[in-house]
C-alpha cells in the first residue's frame, strides 16, 4: 500500500498539478486550442486521483470494522452472496482477476 500510495497515486497528483499549471497558463494567454488539448489529461489524472481518494477514504483498520465480512442480514452481504455465492467465492474471483493488475 505504501508503494501504491507513494508512487501510483502520487503520479496522478503530480500529473494533474502539472496539467493544471499548463491549463492556467494557456487560459491566461488565450490559447484555447492548448487548453482543449489538455482537458483529456486533466480528466484522466483527475479521475485517477479522485478514485484513489475514494479508495483511501474507504479503508479502515480491523479495530474500526475494517477487514470484516458484513453482517449476514445486511444488504451488502446479501448482494455478494447473490452475485458470487459466498464471500470466499468473491475473494477468489477478485484475487484471480486483479493479480495481474
PDB file of N, CA and C in Angstrom:
ATOM      1  N   UNK A   1       0.817  -1.190   0.000  1.00  0.00           N
ATOM      2  CA  UNK A   1       0.000   0.000   0.000  1.00  0.00           C
ATOM      3  C   UNK A   1       0.865   1.260   0.000  1.00  0.00           C
ATOM      4  N   UNK A   2       2.010   1.196   0.660  1.00  0.00           N
ATOM      5  CA  UNK A   2       2.890   2.366   0.656  1.00  0.00           C
ATOM      6  C   UNK A   2       3.378   2.673  -0.757  1.00  0.00           C
ATOM      7  N   UNK A   3       3.741   1.637  -1.506  1.00  0.00           N
ATOM      8  CA  UNK A   3       4.164   1.823  -2.897  1.00  0.00           C
ATOM      9  C   UNK A   3       3.009   2.394  -3.720  1.00  0.00           C
ATOM     10  N   UNK A   4       1.831   1.826  -3.535  1.00  0.00           N
ATOM     11  CA  UNK A   4       0.666   2.266  -4.299  1.00  0.00           C
ATOM     12  C   UNK A   4       0.368   3.733  -4.004  1.00  0.00           C
ATOM     13  N   UNK A   5       0.426   4.093  -2.732  1.00  0.00           N
ATOM     14  CA  UNK A   5       0.137   5.473  -2.343  1.00  0.00           C
ATOM     15  C   UNK A   5       1.254   6.415  -2.804  1.00  0.00           C
ATOM     16  N   UNK A   6       2.507   6.021  -2.522  1.00  0.00           N
ATOM     17  CA  UNK A   6       3.633   6.904  -2.773  1.00  0.00           C
ATOM     18  C   UNK A   6       4.064   7.006  -4.224  1.00  0.00           C
ATOM     19  N   UNK A   7       3.740   6.012  -5.027  1.00  0.00           N
ATOM     20  CA  UNK A   7       4.148   6.027  -6.435  1.00  0.00           C
ATOM     21  C   UNK A   7       2.961   6.205  -7.374  1.00  0.00           C
ATOM     22  N   UNK A   8       2.028   5.256  -7.318  1.00  0.00           N
ATOM     23  CA  UNK A   8       0.924   5.236  -8.273  1.00  0.00           C
ATOM     24  C   UNK A   8      -0.001   6.446  -8.081  1.00  0.00           C
ATOM     25  N   UNK A   9      -0.526   6.597  -6.906  1.00  0.00           N
ATOM     26  CA  UNK A   9      -1.430   7.718  -6.644  1.00  0.00           C
ATOM     27  C   UNK A   9      -0.683   9.038  -6.802  1.00  0.00           C
ATOM     28  N   UNK A  10       0.542   9.090  -6.309  1.00  0.00           N
ATOM     29  CA  UNK A  10       1.321  10.324  -6.395  1.00  0.00           C
ATOM     30  C   UNK A  10       1.547  10.747  -7.840  1.00  0.00           C
ATOM     31  N   UNK A  11       1.691   9.782  -8.739  1.00  0.00           N
ATOM     32  CA  UNK A  11       1.870  10.106 -10.161  1.00  0.00           C
ATOM     33  C   UNK A  11       0.640  10.817 -10.712  1.00  0.00           C
ATOM     34  N   UNK A  12      -0.552  10.336 -10.348  1.00  0.00           N
ATOM     35  CA  UNK A  12      -1.772  11.038 -10.771  1.00  0.00           C
ATOM     36  C   UNK A  12      -1.774  12.472 -10.261  1.00  0.00           C
ATOM     37  N   UNK A  13      -1.409  12.660  -9.007  1.00  0.00           N
ATOM     38  CA  UNK A  13      -1.400  14.001  -8.404  1.00  0.00           C
ATOM     39  C   UNK A  13      -0.378  14.897  -9.108  1.00  0.00           C
ATOM     40  N   UNK A  14       0.834  14.382  -9.295  1.00  0.00           N
ATOM     41  CA  UNK A  14       1.874  15.178  -9.959  1.00  0.00           C
ATOM     42  C   UNK A  14       1.468  15.563 -11.378  1.00  0.00           C
ATOM     43  N   UNK A  15       0.933  14.600 -12.128  1.00  0.00           N
ATOM     44  CA  UNK A  15       0.500  14.877 -13.499  1.00  0.00           C
ATOM     45  C   UNK A  15      -0.633  15.889 -13.517  1.00  0.00           C
ATOM     46  N   UNK A  16      -1.590  15.723 -12.626  1.00  0.00           N
ATOM     47  CA  UNK A  16      -2.722  16.650 -12.570  1.00  0.00           C
ATOM     48  C   UNK A  16      -2.248  18.062 -12.246  1.00  0.00           C
ATOM     49  N   UNK A  17      -1.363  18.188 -11.263  1.00  0.00           N
ATOM     50  CA  UNK A  17      -0.851  19.515 -10.905  1.00  0.00           C
ATOM     51  C   UNK A  17      -0.139  20.167 -12.082  1.00  0.00           C
ATOM     52  N   UNK A  18       0.701  19.411 -12.787  1.00  0.00           N
ATOM     53  CA  UNK A  18       1.425  19.964 -13.943  1.00  0.00           C
ATOM     54  C   UNK A  18       0.455  20.377 -15.048  1.00  0.00           C
ATOM     55  N   UNK A  19      -0.542  19.546 -15.302  1.00  0.00           N
ATOM     56  CA  UNK A  19      -1.519  19.865 -16.345  1.00  0.00           C
ATOM     57  C   UNK A  19      -2.356  21.081 -15.972  1.00  0.00           C
ATOM     58  N   UNK A  20      -2.695  21.220 -14.698  1.00  0.00           N
ATOM     59  CA  UNK A  20      -3.467  22.388 -14.269  1.00  0.00           C
ATOM     60  C   UNK A  20      -2.653  23.668 -14.418  1.00  0.00           C
ATOM     61  N   UNK A  21      -1.354  23.580 -14.143  1.00  0.00           N
ATOM     62  CA  UNK A  21      -0.488  24.751 -14.341  1.00  0.00           C
ATOM     63  C   UNK A  21      -0.443  25.126 -15.825  1.00  0.00           C
ATOM     64  N   UNK A  22      -0.304  24.119 -16.677  1.00  0.00           N
ATOM     65  CA  UNK A  22      -0.282  24.367 -18.119  1.00  0.00           C
ATOM     66  C   UNK A  22      -1.612  24.956 -18.590  1.00  0.00           C
ATOM     67  N   UNK A  23      -2.699  24.456 -18.027  1.00  0.00           N
ATOM     68  CA  UNK A  23      -4.028  24.954 -18.412  1.00  0.00           C
ATOM     69  C   UNK A  23      -4.202  26.406 -17.986  1.00  0.00           C
ATOM     70  N   UNK A  24      -3.746  26.725 -16.789  1.00  0.00           N
ATOM     71  CA  UNK A  24      -3.850  28.112 -16.314  1.00  0.00           C
ATOM     72  C   UNK A  24      -3.043  29.044 -17.212  1.00  0.00           C
ATOM     73  N   UNK A  25      -1.862  28.600 -17.601  1.00  0.00           N
ATOM     74  CA  UNK A  25      -1.023  29.395 -18.493  1.00  0.00           C
ATOM     75  C   UNK A  25      -1.686  29.569 -19.859  1.00  0.00           C
ATOM     76  N   UNK A  26      -2.241  28.501 -20.392  1.00  0.00           N
ATOM     77  CA  UNK A  26      -2.915  28.569 -21.693  1.00  0.00           C
ATOM     78  C   UNK A  26      -4.115  29.504 -21.624  1.00  0.00           C
ATOM     79  N   UNK A  27      -4.865  29.411 -20.542  1.00  0.00           N
ATOM     80  CA  UNK A  27      -6.038  30.276 -20.377  1.00  0.00           C
ATOM     81  C   UNK A  27      -5.615  31.744 -20.289  1.00  0.00           C
ATOM     82  N   UNK A  28      -4.545  31.993 -19.537  1.00  0.00           N
ATOM     83  CA  UNK A  28      -4.037  33.359 -19.388  1.00  0.00           C
ATOM     84  C   UNK A  28      -3.601  33.935 -20.741  1.00  0.00           C
ATOM     85  N   UNK A  29      -3.033  33.083 -21.591  1.00  0.00           N
ATOM     86  CA  UNK A  29      -2.571  33.514 -22.909  1.00  0.00           C
ATOM     87  C   UNK A  29      -3.681  33.504 -23.951  1.00  0.00           C
ATOM     88  N   UNK A  30      -4.854  32.986 -23.579  1.00  0.00           N
ATOM     89  CA  UNK A  30      -5.948  32.903 -24.539  1.00  0.00           C
ATOM     90  C   UNK A  30      -5.761  31.792 -25.554  1.00  0.00           C
ATOM     91  N   UNK A  31      -4.908  30.819 -25.218  1.00  0.00           N
ATOM     92  CA  UNK A  31      -4.628  29.704 -26.123  1.00  0.00           C
ATOM     93  C   UNK A  31      -5.646  28.584 -25.864  1.00  0.00           C
ATOM     94  N   UNK A  32      -6.804  28.731 -26.473  1.00  0.00           N
ATOM     95  CA  UNK A  32      -7.900  27.795 -26.237  1.00  0.00           C
ATOM     96  C   UNK A  32      -7.646  26.429 -26.874  1.00  0.00           C
ATOM     97  N   UNK A  33      -6.862  26.401 -27.924  1.00  0.00           N
ATOM     98  CA  UNK A  33      -6.501  25.116 -28.535  1.00  0.00           C
ATOM     99  C   UNK A  33      -5.678  24.293 -27.552  1.00  0.00           C
ATOM    100  N   UNK A  34      -4.677  24.908 -26.945  1.00  0.00           N
ATOM    101  CA  UNK A  34      -3.843  24.230 -25.957  1.00  0.00           C
ATOM    102  C   UNK A  34      -4.694  23.797 -24.757  1.00  0.00           C
ATOM    103  N   UNK A  35      -5.558  24.672 -24.307  1.00  0.00           N
ATOM    104  CA  UNK A  35      -6.428  24.360 -23.175  1.00  0.00           C
ATOM    105  C   UNK A  35      -7.303  23.151 -23.491  1.00  0.00           C
ATOM    106  N   UNK A  36      -7.854  23.115 -24.676  1.00  0.00           N
ATOM    107  CA  UNK A  36      -8.683  21.988 -25.097  1.00  0.00           C
ATOM    108  C   UNK A  36      -7.861  20.708 -25.174  1.00  0.00           C
ATOM    109  N   UNK A  37      -6.635  20.818 -25.672  1.00  0.00           N
ATOM    110  CA  UNK A  37      -5.760  19.648 -25.779  1.00  0.00           C
ATOM    111  C   UNK A  37      -5.417  19.062 -24.402  1.00  0.00           C
ATOM    112  N   UNK A  38      -5.404  19.882 -23.379  1.00  0.00           N
ATOM    113  CA  UNK A  38      -5.046  19.429 -22.031  1.00  0.00           C
ATOM    114  C   UNK A  38      -6.209  18.772 -21.289  1.00  0.00           C
ATOM    115  N   UNK A  39      -7.418  18.975 -21.745  1.00  0.00           N
ATOM    116  CA  UNK A  39      -8.580  18.530 -20.967  1.00  0.00           C
ATOM    117  C   UNK A  39      -8.644  17.023 -20.756  1.00  0.00           C
ATOM    118  N   UNK A  40      -8.264  16.229 -21.751  1.00  0.00           N
ATOM    119  CA  UNK A  40      -8.326  14.773 -21.585  1.00  0.00           C
ATOM    120  C   UNK A  40      -7.350  14.304 -20.512  1.00  0.00           C
ATOM    121  N   UNK A  41      -6.153  14.859 -20.501  1.00  0.00           N
ATOM    122  CA  UNK A  41      -5.175  14.501 -19.476  1.00  0.00           C
ATOM    123  C   UNK A  41      -5.614  14.931 -18.095  1.00  0.00           C
ATOM    124  N   UNK A  42      -6.229  16.109 -18.009  1.00  0.00           N
ATOM    125  CA  UNK A  42      -6.746  16.586 -16.727  1.00  0.00           C
ATOM    126  C   UNK A  42      -7.850  15.654 -16.242  1.00  0.00           C
ATOM    127  N   UNK A  43      -8.732  15.286 -17.151  1.00  0.00           N
ATOM    128  CA  UNK A  43      -9.828  14.377 -16.792  1.00  0.00           C
ATOM    129  C   UNK A  43      -9.284  13.020 -16.347  1.00  0.00           C
ATOM    130  N   UNK A  44      -8.339  12.455 -17.075  1.00  0.00           N
ATOM    131  CA  UNK A  44      -7.779  11.147 -16.749  1.00  0.00           C
ATOM    132  C   UNK A  44      -7.054  11.169 -15.398  1.00  0.00           C
ATOM    133  N   UNK A  45      -6.150  12.112 -15.226  1.00  0.00           N
ATOM    134  CA  UNK A  45      -5.381  12.166 -13.986  1.00  0.00           C
ATOM    135  C   UNK A  45      -6.222  12.638 -12.807  1.00  0.00           C
ATOM    136  N   UNK A  46      -7.158  13.538 -13.072  1.00  0.00           N
ATOM    137  CA  UNK A  46      -8.083  13.955 -12.006  1.00  0.00           C
ATOM    138  C   UNK A  46      -8.952  12.798 -11.552  1.00  0.00           C
ATOM    139  N   UNK A  47      -9.426  12.000 -12.513  1.00  0.00           N
ATOM    140  CA  UNK A  47     -10.223  10.823 -12.169  1.00  0.00           C
ATOM    141  C   UNK A  47      -9.415   9.804 -11.391  1.00  0.00           C
ATOM    142  N   UNK A  48      -8.159   9.582 -11.810  1.00  0.00           N
ATOM    143  CA  UNK A  48      -7.289   8.658 -11.085  1.00  0.00           C
ATOM    144  C   UNK A  48      -7.061   9.116  -9.651  1.00  0.00           C
ATOM    145  N   UNK A  49      -6.851  10.409  -9.493  1.00  0.00           N
ATOM    146  CA  UNK A  49      -6.663  10.971  -8.150  1.00  0.00           C
ATOM    147  C   UNK A  49      -7.928  10.801  -7.302  1.00  0.00           C
ATOM    148  N   UNK A  50      -9.068  11.167  -7.856  1.00  0.00           N
ATOM    149  CA  UNK A  50     -10.321  11.061  -7.093  1.00  0.00           C
ATOM    150  C   UNK A  50     -10.667   9.614  -6.753  1.00  0.00           C
ATOM    151  N   UNK A  51     -10.439   8.697  -7.685  1.00  0.00           N
ATOM    152  CA  UNK A  51     -10.689   7.282  -7.394  1.00  0.00           C
ATOM    153  C   UNK A  51      -9.801   6.788  -6.257  1.00  0.00           C
ATOM    154  N   UNK A  52      -8.550   7.225  -6.240  1.00  0.00           N
ATOM    155  CA  UNK A  52      -7.667   6.825  -5.151  1.00  0.00           C
ATOM    156  C   UNK A  52      -8.094   7.450  -3.827  1.00  0.00           C
ATOM    157  N   UNK A  53      -8.508   8.695  -3.858  1.00  0.00           N
ATOM    158  CA  UNK A  53      -9.003   9.321  -2.627  1.00  0.00           C
ATOM    159  C   UNK A  53     -10.193   8.544  -2.075  1.00  0.00           C
ATOM    160  N   UNK A  54     -11.087   8.133  -2.956  1.00  0.00           N
ATOM    161  CA  UNK A  54     -12.240   7.329  -2.544  1.00  0.00           C
ATOM    162  C   UNK A  54     -11.770   6.015  -1.930  1.00  0.00           C
ATOM    163  N   UNK A  55     -10.787   5.371  -2.561  1.00  0.00           N
ATOM    164  CA  UNK A  55     -10.235   4.116  -2.064  1.00  0.00           C
ATOM    165  C   UNK A  55      -9.644   4.304  -0.674  1.00  0.00           C
ATOM    166  N   UNK A  56      -8.779   5.306  -0.502  1.00  0.00           N
ATOM    167  CA  UNK A  56      -8.142   5.518   0.806  1.00  0.00           C
ATOM    168  C   UNK A  56      -9.181   5.856   1.867  1.00  0.00           C
ATOM    169  N   UNK A  57     -10.164   6.646   1.524  1.00  0.00           N
ATOM    170  CA  UNK A  57     -11.197   7.026   2.496  1.00  0.00           C
ATOM    171  C   UNK A  57     -12.031   5.837   2.950  1.00  0.00           C
ATOM    172  N   UNK A  58     -12.079   4.779   2.156  1.00  0.00           N
ATOM    173  CA  UNK A  58     -12.910   3.632   2.498  1.00  0.00           C
ATOM    174  C   UNK A  58     -12.160   2.516   3.215  1.00  0.00           C
ATOM    175  N   UNK A  59     -10.867   2.681   3.391  1.00  0.00           N
ATOM    176  CA  UNK A  59     -10.107   1.702   4.166  1.00  0.00           C
ATOM    177  C   UNK A  59     -10.331   1.962   5.650  1.00  0.00           C
ATOM    178  N   UNK A  60     -10.326   0.920   6.427  1.00  0.00           N
ATOM    179  CA  UNK A  60     -10.484   1.074   7.876  1.00  0.00           C
ATOM    180  C   UNK A  60      -9.682  -0.012   8.579  1.00  0.00           C
ATOM    181  N   UNK A  61      -9.090   0.313   9.728  1.00  0.00           N
ATOM    182  CA  UNK A  61      -8.396  -0.716  10.496  1.00  0.00           C
ATOM    183  C   UNK A  61      -9.383  -1.760  11.008  1.00  0.00           C
ATOM    184  N   UNK A  62      -8.897  -2.972  11.262  1.00  0.00           N
ATOM    185  CA  UNK A  62      -9.761  -4.041  11.764  1.00  0.00           C
ATOM    186  C   UNK A  62     -10.487  -3.585  13.026  1.00  0.00           C
ATOM    187  N   UNK A  63      -9.814  -2.824  13.875  1.00  0.00           N
ATOM    188  CA  UNK A  63     -10.434  -2.334  15.106  1.00  0.00           C
ATOM    189  C   UNK A  63     -11.601  -1.387  14.884  1.00  0.00           C
ATOM    190  N   UNK A  64     -11.732  -0.901  13.655  1.00  0.00           N
ATOM    191  CA  UNK A  64     -12.837   0.000  13.303  1.00  0.00           C
ATOM    192  C   UNK A  64     -13.714  -0.623  12.230  1.00  0.00           C
ATOM    193  N   UNK A  65     -13.880  -1.940  12.294  1.00  0.00           N
ATOM    194  CA  UNK A  65     -14.740  -2.721  11.408  1.00  0.00           C
ATOM    195  C   UNK A  65     -14.153  -2.988  10.032  1.00  0.00           C
ATOM    196  N   UNK A  66     -12.921  -2.590   9.781  1.00  0.00           N
ATOM    197  CA  UNK A  66     -12.283  -2.893   8.510  1.00  0.00           C
ATOM    198  C   UNK A  66     -11.886  -4.360   8.455  1.00  0.00           C
ATOM    199  N   UNK A  67     -11.886  -4.931   7.271  1.00  0.00           N
ATOM    200  CA  UNK A  67     -11.462  -6.307   7.094  1.00  0.00           C
ATOM    201  C   UNK A  67     -12.438  -7.339   7.605  1.00  0.00           C
ATOM    202  N   UNK A  68     -13.628  -6.915   7.932  1.00  0.00           N
ATOM    203  CA  UNK A  68     -14.628  -7.848   8.453  1.00  0.00           C
ATOM    204  C   UNK A  68     -15.739  -8.040   7.423  1.00  0.00           C
ATOM    205  N   UNK A  69     -16.239  -9.247   7.370  1.00  0.00           N
ATOM    206  CA  UNK A  69     -17.360  -9.535   6.473  1.00  0.00           C
ATOM    207  C   UNK A  69     -18.612  -8.891   7.068  1.00  0.00           C
ATOM    208  N   UNK A  70     -19.415  -8.238   6.253  1.00  0.00           N
ATOM    209  CA  UNK A  70     -20.627  -7.588   6.747  1.00  0.00           C
ATOM    210  C   UNK A  70     -21.599  -8.595   7.357  1.00  0.00           C
ATOM    211  N   UNK A  71     -22.424  -8.115   8.230  1.00  0.00           N
ATOM    212  CA  UNK A  71     -23.432  -8.956   8.884  1.00  0.00           C
ATOM    213  C   UNK A  71     -24.297  -9.659   7.844  1.00  0.00           C
ATOM    214  N   UNK A  72     -24.673 -10.894   8.146  1.00  0.00           N
ATOM    215  CA  UNK A  72     -25.431 -11.723   7.202  1.00  0.00           C
ATOM    216  C   UNK A  72     -26.758 -11.094   6.793  1.00  0.00           C
ATOM    217  N   UNK A  73     -27.319 -10.257   7.634  1.00  0.00           N
ATOM    218  CA  UNK A  73     -28.608  -9.639   7.299  1.00  0.00           C
ATOM    219  C   UNK A  73     -28.454  -8.288   6.589  1.00  0.00           C
ATOM    220  N   UNK A  74     -27.208  -7.871   6.317  1.00  0.00           N
ATOM    221  CA  UNK A  74     -27.005  -6.581   5.644  1.00  0.00           C
ATOM    222  C   UNK A  74     -27.254  -6.719   4.143  1.00  0.00           C
ATOM    223  N   UNK A  75     -27.616  -5.618   3.529  1.00  0.00           N
ATOM    224  CA  UNK A  75     -27.851  -5.601   2.076  1.00  0.00           C
ATOM    225  C   UNK A  75     -26.591  -5.974   1.310  1.00  0.00           C
ATOM    226  N   UNK A  76     -25.428  -5.505   1.783  1.00  0.00           N
ATOM    227  CA  UNK A  76     -24.182  -5.824   1.093  1.00  0.00           C
ATOM    228  C   UNK A  76     -23.899  -7.321   1.130  1.00  0.00           C
ATOM    229  N   UNK A  77     -24.056  -7.932   2.280  1.00  0.00           N
ATOM    230  CA  UNK A  77     -23.813  -9.374   2.409  1.00  0.00           C
ATOM    231  C   UNK A  77     -24.752 -10.147   1.474  1.00  0.00           C
ATOM    232  N   UNK A  78     -26.002  -9.781   1.487  1.00  0.00           N
ATOM    233  CA  UNK A  78     -26.986 -10.462   0.630  1.00  0.00           C
ATOM    234  C   UNK A  78     -26.635 -10.303  -0.852  1.00  0.00           C
ATOM    235  N   UNK A  79     -26.199  -9.119  -1.245  1.00  0.00           N
ATOM    236  CA  UNK A  79     -25.858  -8.868  -2.650  1.00  0.00           C
ATOM    237  C   UNK A  79     -24.630  -9.680  -3.081  1.00  0.00           C
ATOM    238  N   UNK A  80     -23.640  -9.760  -2.210  1.00  0.00           N
ATOM    239  CA  UNK A  80     -22.435 -10.524  -2.535  1.00  0.00           C
ATOM    240  C   UNK A  80     -22.764 -12.004  -2.657  1.00  0.00           C
ATOM    241  N   UNK A  81     -23.523 -12.517  -1.715  1.00  0.00           N
ATOM    242  CA  UNK A  81     -23.899 -13.939  -1.759  1.00  0.00           C
ATOM    243  C   UNK A  81     -24.735 -14.226  -3.001  1.00  0.00           C
ATOM    244  N   UNK A  82     -25.623 -13.306  -3.337  1.00  0.00           N
ATOM    245  CA  UNK A  82     -26.453 -13.484  -4.531  1.00  0.00           C
ATOM    246  C   UNK A  82     -25.582 -13.513  -5.794  1.00  0.00           C
ATOM    247  N   UNK A  83     -24.618 -12.606  -5.868  1.00  0.00           N
ATOM    248  CA  UNK A  83     -23.795 -12.488  -7.070  1.00  0.00           C
ATOM    249  C   UNK A  83     -22.695 -13.544  -7.166  1.00  0.00           C
ATOM    250  N   UNK A  84     -22.117 -13.932  -6.031  1.00  0.00           N
ATOM    251  CA  UNK A  84     -20.945 -14.812  -6.058  1.00  0.00           C
ATOM    252  C   UNK A  84     -21.136 -16.139  -5.333  1.00  0.00           C
ATOM    253  N   UNK A  85     -22.188 -16.255  -4.563  1.00  0.00           N
ATOM    254  CA  UNK A  85     -22.437 -17.490  -3.824  1.00  0.00           C
ATOM    255  C   UNK A  85     -21.918 -17.454  -2.397  1.00  0.00           C
ATOM    256  N   UNK A  86     -20.804 -16.737  -2.182  1.00  0.00           N
ATOM    257  CA  UNK A  86     -20.228 -16.604  -0.842  1.00  0.00           C
ATOM    258  C   UNK A  86     -19.142 -15.539  -0.879  1.00  0.00           C
ATOM    259  N   UNK A  87     -18.712 -15.107   0.302  1.00  0.00           N
ATOM    260  CA  UNK A  87     -17.607 -14.156   0.351  1.00  0.00           C
ATOM    261  C   UNK A  87     -16.300 -14.812  -0.074  1.00  0.00           C
ATOM    262  N   UNK A  88     -16.125 -16.080   0.242  1.00  0.00           N
ATOM    263  CA  UNK A  88     -14.922 -16.788  -0.206  1.00  0.00           C
ATOM    264  C   UNK A  88     -14.859 -16.823  -1.735  1.00  0.00           C
ATOM    265  N   UNK A  89     -15.993 -17.017  -2.374  1.00  0.00           N
ATOM    266  CA  UNK A  89     -16.029 -17.024  -3.833  1.00  0.00           C
ATOM    267  C   UNK A  89     -15.725 -15.630  -4.391  1.00  0.00           C
ATOM    268  N   UNK A  90     -16.233 -14.591  -3.744  1.00  0.00           N
ATOM    269  CA  UNK A  90     -15.932 -13.212  -4.152  1.00  0.00           C
ATOM    270  C   UNK A  90     -14.433 -12.964  -4.035  1.00  0.00           C
ATOM    271  N   UNK A  91     -13.840 -13.339  -2.920  1.00  0.00           N
ATOM    272  CA  UNK A  91     -12.409 -13.121  -2.708  1.00  0.00           C
ATOM    273  C   UNK A  91     -11.589 -13.868  -3.755  1.00  0.00           C
ATOM    274  N   UNK A  92     -11.964 -15.115  -4.038  1.00  0.00           N
ATOM    275  CA  UNK A  92     -11.250 -15.895  -5.049  1.00  0.00           C
ATOM    276  C   UNK A  92     -11.374 -15.241  -6.426  1.00  0.00           C
ATOM    277  N   UNK A  93     -12.576 -14.802  -6.780  1.00  0.00           N
ATOM    278  CA  UNK A  93     -12.821 -14.143  -8.075  1.00  0.00           C
ATOM    279  C   UNK A  93     -11.997 -12.850  -8.155  1.00  0.00           C
ATOM    280  N   UNK A  94     -12.079 -12.039  -7.127  1.00  0.00           N
ATOM    281  CA  UNK A  94     -11.380 -10.759  -7.102  1.00  0.00           C
ATOM    282  C   UNK A  94      -9.869 -10.982  -7.216  1.00  0.00           C
ATOM    283  N   UNK A  95      -9.352 -11.939  -6.452  1.00  0.00           N
ATOM    284  CA  UNK A  95      -7.925 -12.226  -6.474  1.00  0.00           C
ATOM    285  C   UNK A  95      -7.468 -12.702  -7.849  1.00  0.00           C
ATOM    286  N   UNK A  96      -8.236 -13.583  -8.461  1.00  0.00           N
ATOM    287  CA  UNK A  96      -7.878 -14.128  -9.769  1.00  0.00           C
ATOM    288  C   UNK A  96      -7.878 -13.060 -10.854  1.00  0.00           C
ATOM    289  N   UNK A  97      -8.794 -12.100 -10.754  1.00  0.00           N
ATOM    290  CA  UNK A  97      -8.932 -11.103 -11.811  1.00  0.00           C
ATOM    291  C   UNK A  97      -8.131  -9.841 -11.568  1.00  0.00           C
ATOM    292  N   UNK A  98      -7.546  -9.695 -10.408  1.00  0.00           N
ATOM    293  CA  UNK A  98      -6.778  -8.474 -10.136  1.00  0.00           C
ATOM    294  C   UNK A  98      -5.301  -8.740  -9.910  1.00  0.00           C
ATOM    295  N   UNK A  99      -4.890  -9.980  -9.825  1.00  0.00           N
ATOM    296  CA  UNK A  99      -3.490 -10.305  -9.528  1.00  0.00           C
ATOM    297  C   UNK A  99      -2.534  -9.699 -10.554  1.00  0.00           C
ATOM    298  N   UNK A 100      -2.946  -9.659 -11.799  1.00  0.00           N
ATOM    299  CA  UNK A 100      -2.063  -9.153 -12.857  1.00  0.00           C
ATOM    300  C   UNK A 100      -2.135  -7.638 -13.020  1.00  0.00           C
ATOM    301  N   UNK A 101      -3.047  -7.004 -12.344  1.00  0.00           N
ATOM    302  CA  UNK A 101      -3.210  -5.556 -12.500  1.00  0.00           C
ATOM    303  C   UNK A 101      -2.189  -4.813 -11.663  1.00  0.00           C
TER     304      UNK A 101
END
